[in-house]
Amino acid sequence: MKLVYLNFAEGPGIFGPAVDIPVKLKKRFDARDPTVEHEVATHELTDILGRFRENEKIDLSAELGSVIADCAKAAKIYIAFHGRAGSPDSAFTKVKTGSFETKAETVGKLLHQILPARLEEYKVALVMCYSARTADAEADHSLPLTLDQIRTSFAYRLARHLCVEQARSLFLTARTGKLSFDADGQTEVESERAIEFDRRIGGLTKSQKYLDAQRRWKELEARYKARDLPSVPFKLKIKFQKSGKLAITSNDRIAKNYFQLHKKARRLEREKMAETTFPLKYGKIVFVSEPDRVRIYRKYGDKQEIYVGPFV
């Protein structure tokens, strides 16, 4: 059984979570059916993607020969990107110089060159955080979703392009939350409660109030380090990190202001760890292309049928 893993998530020299996924996938399928030999063909495609973004008309078929051949025979294809809640029209790729984003339509155009036309439908899993999350990122995605919501997700945009523009037949799965794999290769997905905590933590640590307090504290640390007096900020940290002592000097006020906000962020993180889980069977949205229509449904939970009809 041939599985194909297309890594668009992390470029050469980036040793993130995408690196180990092929090994974990093989472990999962081997455990599921030891009588079948499972092969995971891995292709590193971040460089190809970077070039394609610059010129979408470039013909890469010669360079992609082995990728195309593997995909043509694949029982299932895993497509890895990074995703962000609140950015439903883009996928993200990490490289040594930083990261870049690619629109769903551009990804679809490149996949048109990678997935040759065939009668059999392609079974595709998006290994991408928040790929089924909608533009209404703060909505509870465990509740019933509408077509107007789901059509704003990255997964819908990609499926629509591949099925309508490129005439590929798809059975595509995507997740509403942050995605990870456990040691046995099972998929874990961030719960809505965890996403709520992330939103609260991000709202605090990305606020101007927090950033200003952090900047002033870093400047204070640097100032005393340059004077070879690191004990001054160290003592301030000890004084205000855990207690609510009175701030008398300007240095006291800088330290107290920052560490009060810092403690609040850490408290929210501890609450998140205590109250939330990453369920195994959770947050999966399925897109199935059928003649002249698409069927979209939730795999787990209430198994809601979100939409059946033509792509819009």
C-alpha atoms as a PDB file:
ATOM      1  CA  MET A   1       0.000   0.000   0.000  1.00  0.00           C
ATOM      2  CA  LYS A   2       1.551   3.256  -1.124  1.00  0.00           C
ATOM      3  CA  LEU A   3       1.140   6.386   0.941  1.00  0.00           C
ATOM      4  CA  VAL A   4       2.567   9.693  -0.232  1.00  0.00           C
ATOM      5  CA  TYR A   5       3.678  12.543   2.011  1.00  0.00           C
ATOM      6  CA  LEU A   6       4.137  15.946   0.350  1.00  0.00           C
ATOM      7  CA  ASN A   7       6.017  18.300   2.657  1.00  0.00           C
ATOM      8  CA  PHE A   8       5.279  21.949   1.948  1.00  0.00           C
ATOM      9  CA  ALA A   9       5.455  22.823   5.654  1.00  0.00           C
ATOM     10  CA  GLU A  10       9.168  22.996   6.454  1.00  0.00           C
ATOM     11  CA  GLY A  11      12.176  23.566   4.246  1.00  0.00           C
ATOM     12  CA  PRO A  12      15.686  22.065   4.488  1.00  0.00           C
ATOM     13  CA  GLY A  13      17.308  22.627   7.863  1.00  0.00           C
ATOM     14  CA  ILE A  14      13.983  23.221   9.651  1.00  0.00           C
ATOM     15  CA  PHE A  15      13.530  20.406  12.145  1.00  0.00           C
ATOM     16  CA  GLY A  16       9.920  20.962  13.139  1.00  0.00           C
ATOM     17  CA  PRO A  17       7.006  18.577  13.709  1.00  0.00           C
ATOM     18  CA  ALA A  18       6.587  17.857   9.983  1.00  0.00           C
ATOM     19  CA  VAL A  19       9.872  15.929   9.875  1.00  0.00           C
ATOM     20  CA  ASP A  20       8.699  12.894  11.877  1.00  0.00           C
ATOM     21  CA  ILE A  21       5.247  12.508  10.360  1.00  0.00           C
ATOM     22  CA  PRO A  22       6.155   9.951   7.626  1.00  0.00           C
ATOM     23  CA  VAL A  23       7.645   7.593  10.239  1.00  0.00           C
ATOM     24  CA  LYS A  24       4.581   7.976  12.445  1.00  0.00           C
ATOM     25  CA  LEU A  25       2.232   7.348   9.515  1.00  0.00           C
ATOM     26  CA  LYS A  26       3.984   4.108   8.666  1.00  0.00           C
ATOM     27  CA  LYS A  27       3.829   3.012  12.297  1.00  0.00           C
ATOM     28  CA  ARG A  28       0.099   3.703  12.408  1.00  0.00           C
ATOM     29  CA  PHE A  29      -0.730   1.793   9.229  1.00  0.00           C
ATOM     30  CA  ASP A  30       1.576  -1.112  10.102  1.00  0.00           C
ATOM     31  CA  ALA A  31      -0.211  -1.473  13.450  1.00  0.00           C
ATOM     32  CA  ARG A  32      -3.584  -1.286  11.760  1.00  0.00           C
ATOM     33  CA  ASP A  33      -2.817  -4.132   9.340  1.00  0.00           C
ATOM     34  CA  PRO A  34       0.492  -5.998   9.838  1.00  0.00           C
ATOM     35  CA  THR A  35      -0.289  -8.286   6.881  1.00  0.00           C
ATOM     36  CA  VAL A  36       0.080  -5.430   4.388  1.00  0.00           C
ATOM     37  CA  GLU A  37       3.371  -3.798   3.448  1.00  0.00           C
ATOM     38  CA  HIS A  38       3.077  -0.032   3.753  1.00  0.00           C
ATOM     39  CA  GLU A  39       5.389   2.344   1.936  1.00  0.00           C
ATOM     40  CA  VAL A  40       5.463   6.080   2.676  1.00  0.00           C
ATOM     41  CA  ALA A  41       7.018   7.995  -0.218  1.00  0.00           C
ATOM     42  CA  THR A  42       8.181  11.376   1.067  1.00  0.00           C
ATOM     43  CA  HIS A  43       8.767  14.391  -1.159  1.00  0.00           C
ATOM     44  CA  GLU A  44      10.264  17.675   0.029  1.00  0.00           C
ATOM     45  CA  LEU A  45       8.588  20.380  -2.032  1.00  0.00           C
ATOM     46  CA  THR A  46       9.173  23.717  -0.307  1.00  0.00           C
ATOM     47  CA  ASP A  47      11.727  24.847  -2.898  1.00  0.00           C
ATOM     48  CA  ILE A  48       9.398  23.871  -5.740  1.00  0.00           C
ATOM     49  CA  LEU A  49       6.581  25.812  -4.081  1.00  0.00           C
ATOM     50  CA  GLY A  50       8.755  28.876  -3.639  1.00  0.00           C
ATOM     51  CA  ARG A  51       9.610  28.937  -7.328  1.00  0.00           C
ATOM     52  CA  PHE A  52       6.023  28.274  -8.376  1.00  0.00           C
ATOM     53  CA  ARG A  53       4.776  31.212  -6.317  1.00  0.00           C
ATOM     54  CA  GLU A  54       7.035  33.475  -8.383  1.00  0.00           C
ATOM     55  CA  ASN A  55       5.796  32.104 -11.690  1.00  0.00           C
ATOM     56  CA  GLU A  56       2.572  30.082 -11.724  1.00  0.00           C
ATOM     57  CA  LYS A  57       2.961  29.371 -15.436  1.00  0.00           C
ATOM     58  CA  ILE A  58       6.219  27.451 -15.031  1.00  0.00           C
ATOM     59  CA  ASP A  59       6.088  23.821 -16.197  1.00  0.00           C
ATOM     60  CA  LEU A  60       7.611  21.648 -13.465  1.00  0.00           C
ATOM     61  CA  SER A  61       6.543  18.278 -14.850  1.00  0.00           C
ATOM     62  CA  ALA A  62      10.121  17.174 -15.616  1.00  0.00           C
ATOM     63  CA  GLU A  63      11.322  17.901 -12.076  1.00  0.00           C
ATOM     64  CA  LEU A  64       8.184  16.430 -10.537  1.00  0.00           C
ATOM     65  CA  GLY A  65       8.340  13.144 -12.412  1.00  0.00           C
ATOM     66  CA  SER A  66       8.846  10.906  -9.376  1.00  0.00           C
ATOM     67  CA  VAL A  67       6.272  12.847  -7.351  1.00  0.00           C
ATOM     68  CA  ILE A  68       3.680  12.528 -10.110  1.00  0.00           C
ATOM     69  CA  ALA A  69       4.379   8.806 -10.485  1.00  0.00           C
ATOM     70  CA  ASP A  70       3.983   8.201  -6.756  1.00  0.00           C
ATOM     71  CA  CYS A  71       0.766  10.231  -6.521  1.00  0.00           C
ATOM     72  CA  ALA A  72      -0.734   8.418  -9.509  1.00  0.00           C
ATOM     73  CA  LYS A  73      -0.436   5.121  -7.593  1.00  0.00           C
ATOM     74  CA  ALA A  74      -1.119   6.426  -4.087  1.00  0.00           C
ATOM     75  CA  ALA A  75      -3.816   4.962  -1.895  1.00  0.00           C
ATOM     76  CA  LYS A  76      -3.689   8.167   0.169  1.00  0.00           C
ATOM     77  CA  ILE A  77      -1.806  11.445  -0.046  1.00  0.00           C
ATOM     78  CA  TYR A  78      -0.852  13.594   2.940  1.00  0.00           C
ATOM     79  CA  ILE A  79      -0.242  17.271   2.175  1.00  0.00           C
ATOM     80  CA  ALA A  80       1.618  19.143   4.911  1.00  0.00           C
ATOM     81  CA  PHE A  81       1.493  22.882   5.504  1.00  0.00           C
ATOM     82  CA  HIS A  82       1.378  25.117   8.529  1.00  0.00           C
ATOM     83  CA  GLY A  83      -1.888  26.930   9.160  1.00  0.00           C
ATOM     84  CA  ARG A  84      -3.081  29.764  11.341  1.00  0.00           C
ATOM     85  CA  ALA A  85      -6.478  30.457  12.844  1.00  0.00           C
ATOM     86  CA  GLY A  86      -7.739  33.683  11.353  1.00  0.00           C
ATOM     87  CA  SER A  87      -5.862  33.215   8.042  1.00  0.00           C
ATOM     88  CA  PRO A  88      -8.205  30.815   6.233  1.00  0.00           C
ATOM     89  CA  ASP A  89      -7.161  31.718   2.698  1.00  0.00           C
ATOM     90  CA  SER A  90      -3.454  30.899   3.119  1.00  0.00           C
ATOM     91  CA  ALA A  91      -1.071  28.095   4.009  1.00  0.00           C
ATOM     92  CA  PHE A  92       2.336  28.779   5.544  1.00  0.00           C
ATOM     93  CA  THR A  93       5.807  27.364   4.910  1.00  0.00           C
ATOM     94  CA  LYS A  94       8.772  27.686   7.271  1.00  0.00           C
ATOM     95  CA  VAL A  95      12.237  28.162   5.758  1.00  0.00           C
ATOM     96  CA  LYS A  96      15.589  29.259   7.182  1.00  0.00           C
ATOM     97  CA  THR A  97      14.953  32.895   6.288  1.00  0.00           C
ATOM     98  CA  GLY A  98      11.555  32.947   7.999  1.00  0.00           C
ATOM     99  CA  SER A  99       8.255  31.873   6.503  1.00  0.00           C
ATOM    100  CA  PHE A 100       6.044  32.581   3.519  1.00  0.00           C
ATOM    101  CA  GLU A 101       2.359  32.191   2.801  1.00  0.00           C
ATOM    102  CA  THR A 102       0.626  30.729  -0.240  1.00  0.00           C
ATOM    103  CA  LYS A 103      -2.986  31.235  -1.261  1.00  0.00           C
ATOM    104  CA  ALA A 104      -5.198  28.152  -1.607  1.00  0.00           C
ATOM    105  CA  GLU A 105      -5.700  28.758  -5.326  1.00  0.00           C
ATOM    106  CA  THR A 106      -1.932  28.815  -5.919  1.00  0.00           C
ATOM    107  CA  VAL A 107      -1.547  25.549  -4.001  1.00  0.00           C
ATOM    108  CA  GLY A 108      -4.318  24.096  -6.162  1.00  0.00           C
ATOM    109  CA  LYS A 109      -2.569  25.156  -9.362  1.00  0.00           C
ATOM    110  CA  LEU A 110       0.663  23.460  -8.266  1.00  0.00           C
ATOM    111  CA  LEU A 111      -1.212  20.314  -7.221  1.00  0.00           C
ATOM    112  CA  HIS A 112      -2.725  20.218 -10.701  1.00  0.00           C
ATOM    113  CA  GLN A 113       0.785  19.483 -11.966  1.00  0.00           C
ATOM    114  CA  ILE A 114       1.422  16.968  -9.174  1.00  0.00           C
ATOM    115  CA  LEU A 115      -1.848  14.991  -9.243  1.00  0.00           C
ATOM    116  CA  PRO A 116      -2.287  13.511 -12.724  1.00  0.00           C
ATOM    117  CA  ALA A 117      -5.793  12.955 -14.038  1.00  0.00           C
ATOM    118  CA  ARG A 118      -7.123   9.507 -13.105  1.00  0.00           C
ATOM    119  CA  LEU A 119     -10.500   7.798 -12.866  1.00  0.00           C
ATOM    120  CA  GLU A 120     -10.068   6.879  -9.215  1.00  0.00           C
ATOM    121  CA  GLU A 121     -10.669   9.624  -6.666  1.00  0.00           C
ATOM    122  CA  TYR A 122      -7.725  10.985  -4.730  1.00  0.00           C
ATOM    123  CA  LYS A 123      -7.879  10.427  -0.985  1.00  0.00           C
ATOM    124  CA  VAL A 124      -6.134  13.468   0.458  1.00  0.00           C
ATOM    125  CA  ALA A 125      -5.504  14.469   4.065  1.00  0.00           C
ATOM    126  CA  LEU A 126      -4.479  18.029   4.789  1.00  0.00           C
ATOM    127  CA  VAL A 127      -1.837  17.857   7.514  1.00  0.00           C
ATOM    128  CA  MET A 128      -2.352  21.494   8.391  1.00  0.00           C
ATOM    129  CA  CYS A 129      -3.529  23.212  11.540  1.00  0.00           C
ATOM    130  CA  TYR A 130      -6.874  24.997  11.176  1.00  0.00           C
ATOM    131  CA  SER A 131      -7.286  24.006   7.513  1.00  0.00           C
ATOM    132  CA  ALA A 132     -11.044  23.509   8.031  1.00  0.00           C
ATOM    133  CA  ARG A 133     -11.431  26.533  10.300  1.00  0.00           C
ATOM    134  CA  THR A 134     -13.489  29.318   8.829  1.00  0.00           C
ATOM    135  CA  ALA A 135     -13.006  33.080   8.587  1.00  0.00           C
ATOM    136  CA  ASP A 136     -15.203  33.253  11.695  1.00  0.00           C
ATOM    137  CA  ALA A 137     -12.298  31.843  13.674  1.00  0.00           C
ATOM    138  CA  GLU A 138     -13.758  32.711  17.079  1.00  0.00           C
ATOM    139  CA  ALA A 139     -16.947  30.720  16.439  1.00  0.00           C
ATOM    140  CA  ASP A 140     -17.319  27.368  18.202  1.00  0.00           C
ATOM    141  CA  HIS A 141     -16.637  24.917  15.370  1.00  0.00           C
ATOM    142  CA  SER A 142     -18.048  21.989  17.334  1.00  0.00           C
ATOM    143  CA  LEU A 143     -21.489  23.537  16.766  1.00  0.00           C
ATOM    144  CA  PRO A 144     -23.359  23.222  13.442  1.00  0.00           C
ATOM    145  CA  LEU A 145     -21.619  25.009  10.584  1.00  0.00           C
ATOM    146  CA  THR A 146     -23.214  26.627   7.540  1.00  0.00           C
ATOM    147  CA  LEU A 147     -22.111  26.689   3.916  1.00  0.00           C
ATOM    148  CA  ASP A 148     -21.388  30.403   4.212  1.00  0.00           C
ATOM    149  CA  GLN A 149     -18.962  29.603   7.020  1.00  0.00           C
ATOM    150  CA  ILE A 150     -17.223  26.507   5.628  1.00  0.00           C
ATOM    151  CA  ARG A 151     -16.728  28.017   2.172  1.00  0.00           C
ATOM    152  CA  THR A 152     -14.292  30.519   3.737  1.00  0.00           C
ATOM    153  CA  SER A 153     -11.946  27.757   4.974  1.00  0.00           C
ATOM    154  CA  PHE A 154      -8.667  26.866   3.303  1.00  0.00           C
ATOM    155  CA  ALA A 155      -9.849  23.292   2.751  1.00  0.00           C
ATOM    156  CA  TYR A 156     -12.984  24.378   0.895  1.00  0.00           C
ATOM    157  CA  ARG A 157     -11.043  26.850  -1.280  1.00  0.00           C
ATOM    158  CA  LEU A 158      -8.494  24.154  -2.178  1.00  0.00           C
ATOM    159  CA  ALA A 159     -11.125  21.476  -2.838  1.00  0.00           C
ATOM    160  CA  ARG A 160     -13.133  23.840  -4.998  1.00  0.00           C
ATOM    161  CA  HIS A 161     -10.112  24.733  -7.113  1.00  0.00           C
ATOM    162  CA  LEU A 162      -9.035  21.122  -7.610  1.00  0.00           C
ATOM    163  CA  CYS A 163     -12.523  19.831  -8.389  1.00  0.00           C
ATOM    164  CA  VAL A 164     -13.955  22.723 -10.398  1.00  0.00           C
ATOM    165  CA  GLU A 165     -10.917  24.283 -12.056  1.00  0.00           C
ATOM    166  CA  GLN A 166      -8.763  21.169 -12.383  1.00  0.00           C
ATOM    167  CA  ALA A 167     -11.419  18.421 -12.657  1.00  0.00           C
ATOM    168  CA  ARG A 168      -9.907  16.180  -9.992  1.00  0.00           C
ATOM    169  CA  SER A 169     -12.073  13.806  -7.959  1.00  0.00           C
ATOM    170  CA  LEU A 170     -11.390  14.162  -4.235  1.00  0.00           C
ATOM    171  CA  PHE A 171     -12.067  12.674  -0.850  1.00  0.00           C
ATOM    172  CA  LEU A 172     -10.386  15.337   1.274  1.00  0.00           C
ATOM    173  CA  THR A 173     -10.150  15.630   5.056  1.00  0.00           C
ATOM    174  CA  ALA A 174      -9.187  18.689   7.080  1.00  0.00           C
ATOM    175  CA  ARG A 175      -9.188  19.761  10.719  1.00  0.00           C
ATOM    176  CA  THR A 176     -10.743  22.685  12.556  1.00  0.00           C
ATOM    177  CA  GLY A 177      -7.987  23.014  15.182  1.00  0.00           C
ATOM    178  CA  LYS A 178      -4.285  22.641  15.803  1.00  0.00           C
ATOM    179  CA  LEU A 179      -3.099  19.265  14.536  1.00  0.00           C
ATOM    180  CA  SER A 180      -0.441  16.894  15.877  1.00  0.00           C
ATOM    181  CA  PHE A 181       0.494  13.214  15.833  1.00  0.00           C
ATOM    182  CA  ASP A 182       1.161  11.099  18.899  1.00  0.00           C
ATOM    183  CA  ALA A 183       3.949   8.500  19.122  1.00  0.00           C
ATOM    184  CA  ASP A 184       1.739   5.871  17.472  1.00  0.00           C
ATOM    185  CA  GLY A 185       0.862   8.105  14.543  1.00  0.00           C
ATOM    186  CA  GLN A 186      -2.661   8.836  15.709  1.00  0.00           C
ATOM    187  CA  THR A 187      -3.997  12.304  14.933  1.00  0.00           C
ATOM    188  CA  GLU A 188      -4.714  14.644  17.837  1.00  0.00           C
ATOM    189  CA  VAL A 189      -6.706  17.838  17.314  1.00  0.00           C
ATOM    190  CA  GLU A 190      -6.967  20.884  19.528  1.00  0.00           C
ATOM    191  CA  SER A 191     -10.354  21.194  21.201  1.00  0.00           C
ATOM    192  CA  GLU A 192     -12.508  24.312  21.028  1.00  0.00           C
ATOM    193  CA  ARG A 193     -11.784  24.946  24.717  1.00  0.00           C
ATOM    194  CA  ALA A 194      -8.048  24.955  23.984  1.00  0.00           C
ATOM    195  CA  ILE A 195      -8.565  27.335  21.063  1.00  0.00           C
ATOM    196  CA  GLU A 196     -10.486  29.655  23.380  1.00  0.00           C
ATOM    197  CA  PHE A 197      -7.534  29.687  25.790  1.00  0.00           C
ATOM    198  CA  ASP A 198      -5.106  30.349  22.915  1.00  0.00           C
ATOM    199  CA  ARG A 199      -7.221  33.309  21.884  1.00  0.00           C
ATOM    200  CA  ARG A 200      -7.197  34.719  25.422  1.00  0.00           C
ATOM    201  CA  ILE A 201      -3.465  34.168  25.828  1.00  0.00           C
ATOM    202  CA  GLY A 202      -2.727  35.713  22.436  1.00  0.00           C
ATOM    203  CA  GLY A 203      -5.016  38.639  23.170  1.00  0.00           C
ATOM    204  CA  LEU A 204      -2.935  39.365  26.251  1.00  0.00           C
ATOM    205  CA  THR A 205       0.628  38.691  25.021  1.00  0.00           C
ATOM    206  CA  LYS A 206       0.067  40.482  21.709  1.00  0.00           C
ATOM    207  CA  SER A 207      -1.632  43.504  23.250  1.00  0.00           C
ATOM    208  CA  GLN A 208       0.154  46.853  23.111  1.00  0.00           C
ATOM    209  CA  LYS A 209       0.066  47.049  26.897  1.00  0.00           C
ATOM    210  CA  TYR A 210       1.939  43.744  27.227  1.00  0.00           C
ATOM    211  CA  LEU A 211       4.407  44.532  24.442  1.00  0.00           C
ATOM    212  CA  ASP A 212       5.220  47.950  25.925  1.00  0.00           C
ATOM    213  CA  ALA A 213       5.762  46.448  29.378  1.00  0.00           C
ATOM    214  CA  GLN A 214       7.933  43.710  27.921  1.00  0.00           C
ATOM    215  CA  ARG A 215       9.984  46.225  25.901  1.00  0.00           C
ATOM    216  CA  ARG A 216      10.635  48.422  28.952  1.00  0.00           C
ATOM    217  CA  TRP A 217      11.703  45.381  30.980  1.00  0.00           C
ATOM    218  CA  LYS A 218      14.072  44.189  28.226  1.00  0.00           C
ATOM    219  CA  GLU A 219      15.560  47.673  27.984  1.00  0.00           C
ATOM    220  CA  LEU A 220      16.123  47.693  31.735  1.00  0.00           C
ATOM    221  CA  GLU A 221      17.850  44.305  31.574  1.00  0.00           C
ATOM    222  CA  ALA A 222      20.069  45.428  28.702  1.00  0.00           C
ATOM    223  CA  ARG A 223      20.981  48.675  30.447  1.00  0.00           C
ATOM    224  CA  TYR A 224      22.256  46.937  33.579  1.00  0.00           C
ATOM    225  CA  LYS A 225      23.915  44.147  31.621  1.00  0.00           C
ATOM    226  CA  ALA A 226      25.914  46.769  29.688  1.00  0.00           C
ATOM    227  CA  ARG A 227      27.079  48.163  33.057  1.00  0.00           C
ATOM    228  CA  ASP A 228      27.993  44.658  34.235  1.00  0.00           C
ATOM    229  CA  LEU A 229      25.279  44.775  36.898  1.00  0.00           C
ATOM    230  CA  PRO A 230      23.068  41.770  36.024  1.00  0.00           C
ATOM    231  CA  SER A 231      22.168  41.327  39.698  1.00  0.00           C
ATOM    232  CA  VAL A 232      19.929  44.420  39.610  1.00  0.00           C
ATOM    233  CA  PRO A 233      17.300  43.033  37.190  1.00  0.00           C
ATOM    234  CA  PHE A 234      17.722  39.575  38.744  1.00  0.00           C
ATOM    235  CA  LYS A 235      16.743  40.924  42.184  1.00  0.00           C
ATOM    236  CA  LEU A 236      13.829  42.834  40.650  1.00  0.00           C
ATOM    237  CA  LYS A 237      12.657  39.648  38.990  1.00  0.00           C
ATOM    238  CA  ILE A 238      12.789  37.732  42.273  1.00  0.00           C
ATOM    239  CA  LYS A 239      10.987  40.566  44.055  1.00  0.00           C
ATOM    240  CA  PHE A 240       8.067  40.923  41.650  1.00  0.00           C
ATOM    241  CA  GLN A 241       7.793  37.602  39.852  1.00  0.00           C
ATOM    242  CA  LYS A 242       5.764  35.928  42.586  1.00  0.00           C
ATOM    243  CA  SER A 243       4.707  38.605  45.013  1.00  0.00           C
ATOM    244  CA  GLY A 244       2.595  41.727  44.953  1.00  0.00           C
ATOM    245  CA  LYS A 245       5.100  43.913  46.769  1.00  0.00           C
ATOM    246  CA  LEU A 246       4.823  47.667  46.599  1.00  0.00           C
ATOM    247  CA  ALA A 247       6.640  49.331  43.696  1.00  0.00           C
ATOM    248  CA  ILE A 248       8.549  52.364  44.947  1.00  0.00           C
ATOM    249  CA  THR A 249      11.231  53.200  42.373  1.00  0.00           C
ATOM    250  CA  SER A 250      10.857  53.567  38.606  1.00  0.00           C
ATOM    251  CA  ASN A 251      12.697  50.248  38.188  1.00  0.00           C
ATOM    252  CA  ASP A 252      10.218  48.654  40.597  1.00  0.00           C
ATOM    253  CA  ARG A 253       7.314  49.916  38.537  1.00  0.00           C
ATOM    254  CA  ILE A 254       8.796  48.613  35.269  1.00  0.00           C
ATOM    255  CA  ALA A 255       9.399  45.190  36.807  1.00  0.00           C
ATOM    256  CA  LYS A 256       6.047  44.970  38.579  1.00  0.00           C
ATOM    257  CA  ASN A 257       4.093  46.074  35.500  1.00  0.00           C
ATOM    258  CA  TYR A 258       5.729  43.451  33.287  1.00  0.00           C
ATOM    259  CA  PHE A 259       5.645  40.544  35.724  1.00  0.00           C
ATOM    260  CA  GLN A 260       2.015  41.096  36.664  1.00  0.00           C
ATOM    261  CA  LEU A 261       1.074  40.688  32.994  1.00  0.00           C
ATOM    262  CA  HIS A 262       3.568  37.833  32.537  1.00  0.00           C
ATOM    263  CA  LYS A 263       2.093  35.955  35.511  1.00  0.00           C
ATOM    264  CA  LYS A 264      -1.404  36.374  34.091  1.00  0.00           C
ATOM    265  CA  ALA A 265      -0.289  34.841  30.781  1.00  0.00           C
ATOM    266  CA  ARG A 266       1.423  31.924  32.545  1.00  0.00           C
ATOM    267  CA  ARG A 267      -1.692  31.363  34.681  1.00  0.00           C
ATOM    268  CA  LEU A 268      -3.846  31.117  31.566  1.00  0.00           C
ATOM    269  CA  GLU A 269      -1.378  28.614  30.094  1.00  0.00           C
ATOM    270  CA  ARG A 270      -1.564  26.463  33.245  1.00  0.00           C
ATOM    271  CA  GLU A 271      -5.364  26.609  33.147  1.00  0.00           C
ATOM    272  CA  LYS A 272      -5.300  25.551  29.512  1.00  0.00           C
ATOM    273  CA  MET A 273      -3.128  22.529  30.333  1.00  0.00           C
ATOM    274  CA  ALA A 274      -5.385  21.535  33.226  1.00  0.00           C
ATOM    275  CA  GLU A 275      -8.730  22.018  31.488  1.00  0.00           C
ATOM    276  CA  THR A 276      -8.175  21.036  27.863  1.00  0.00           C
ATOM    277  CA  THR A 277      -7.314  17.978  25.842  1.00  0.00           C
ATOM    278  CA  PHE A 278      -6.283  17.055  22.315  1.00  0.00           C
ATOM    279  CA  PRO A 279      -8.900  14.418  21.413  1.00  0.00           C
ATOM    280  CA  LEU A 280      -8.064  11.735  18.840  1.00  0.00           C
ATOM    281  CA  LYS A 281     -11.458  11.640  17.100  1.00  0.00           C
ATOM    282  CA  TYR A 282     -12.294  15.293  16.836  1.00  0.00           C
ATOM    283  CA  GLY A 283     -12.537  18.246  14.499  1.00  0.00           C
ATOM    284  CA  LYS A 284     -12.438  16.424  11.146  1.00  0.00           C
ATOM    285  CA  ILE A 285     -14.376  17.874   8.210  1.00  0.00           C
ATOM    286  CA  VAL A 286     -14.730  15.729   5.075  1.00  0.00           C
ATOM    287  CA  PHE A 287     -15.142  17.037   1.513  1.00  0.00           C
ATOM    288  CA  VAL A 288     -16.281  14.462  -1.059  1.00  0.00           C
ATOM    289  CA  SER A 289     -16.597  15.450  -4.696  1.00  0.00           C
ATOM    290  CA  GLU A 290     -19.428  13.791  -6.580  1.00  0.00           C
ATOM    291  CA  PRO A 291     -20.695  14.398 -10.123  1.00  0.00           C
ATOM    292  CA  ASP A 292     -21.679  18.088 -10.273  1.00  0.00           C
ATOM    293  CA  ARG A 293     -21.664  18.537  -6.512  1.00  0.00           C
ATOM    294  CA  VAL A 294     -19.722  18.284  -3.264  1.00  0.00           C
ATOM    295  CA  ARG A 295     -20.766  16.660  -0.005  1.00  0.00           C
ATOM    296  CA  ILE A 296     -19.343  18.198   3.170  1.00  0.00           C
ATOM    297  CA  TYR A 297     -19.847  16.623   6.568  1.00  0.00           C
ATOM    298  CA  ARG A 298     -18.388  16.361  10.035  1.00  0.00           C
ATOM    299  CA  LYS A 299     -16.727  13.017  10.674  1.00  0.00           C
ATOM    300  CA  TYR A 300     -17.091  12.902  14.474  1.00  0.00           C
ATOM    301  CA  GLY A 301     -19.406  14.307  17.117  1.00  0.00           C
ATOM    302  CA  ASP A 302     -22.840  15.107  15.753  1.00  0.00           C
ATOM    303  CA  LYS A 303     -21.692  13.974  12.256  1.00  0.00           C
ATOM    304  CA  GLN A 304     -23.483  16.996  10.806  1.00  0.00           C
ATOM    305  CA  GLU A 305     -24.020  17.031   7.058  1.00  0.00           C
ATOM    306  CA  ILE A 306     -22.945  20.604   6.426  1.00  0.00           C
ATOM    307  CA  TYR A 307     -23.741  20.890   2.730  1.00  0.00           C
ATOM    308  CA  VAL A 308     -24.626  18.874  -0.356  1.00  0.00           C
ATOM    309  CA  GLY A 309     -24.717  20.701  -3.664  1.00  0.00           C
ATOM    310  CA  PRO A 310     -22.558  22.403  -6.284  1.00  0.00           C
ATOM    311  CA  PHE A 311     -19.411  24.276  -5.318  1.00  0.00           C
ATOM    312  CA  VAL A 312     -20.171  27.983  -4.945  1.00  0.00           C
END
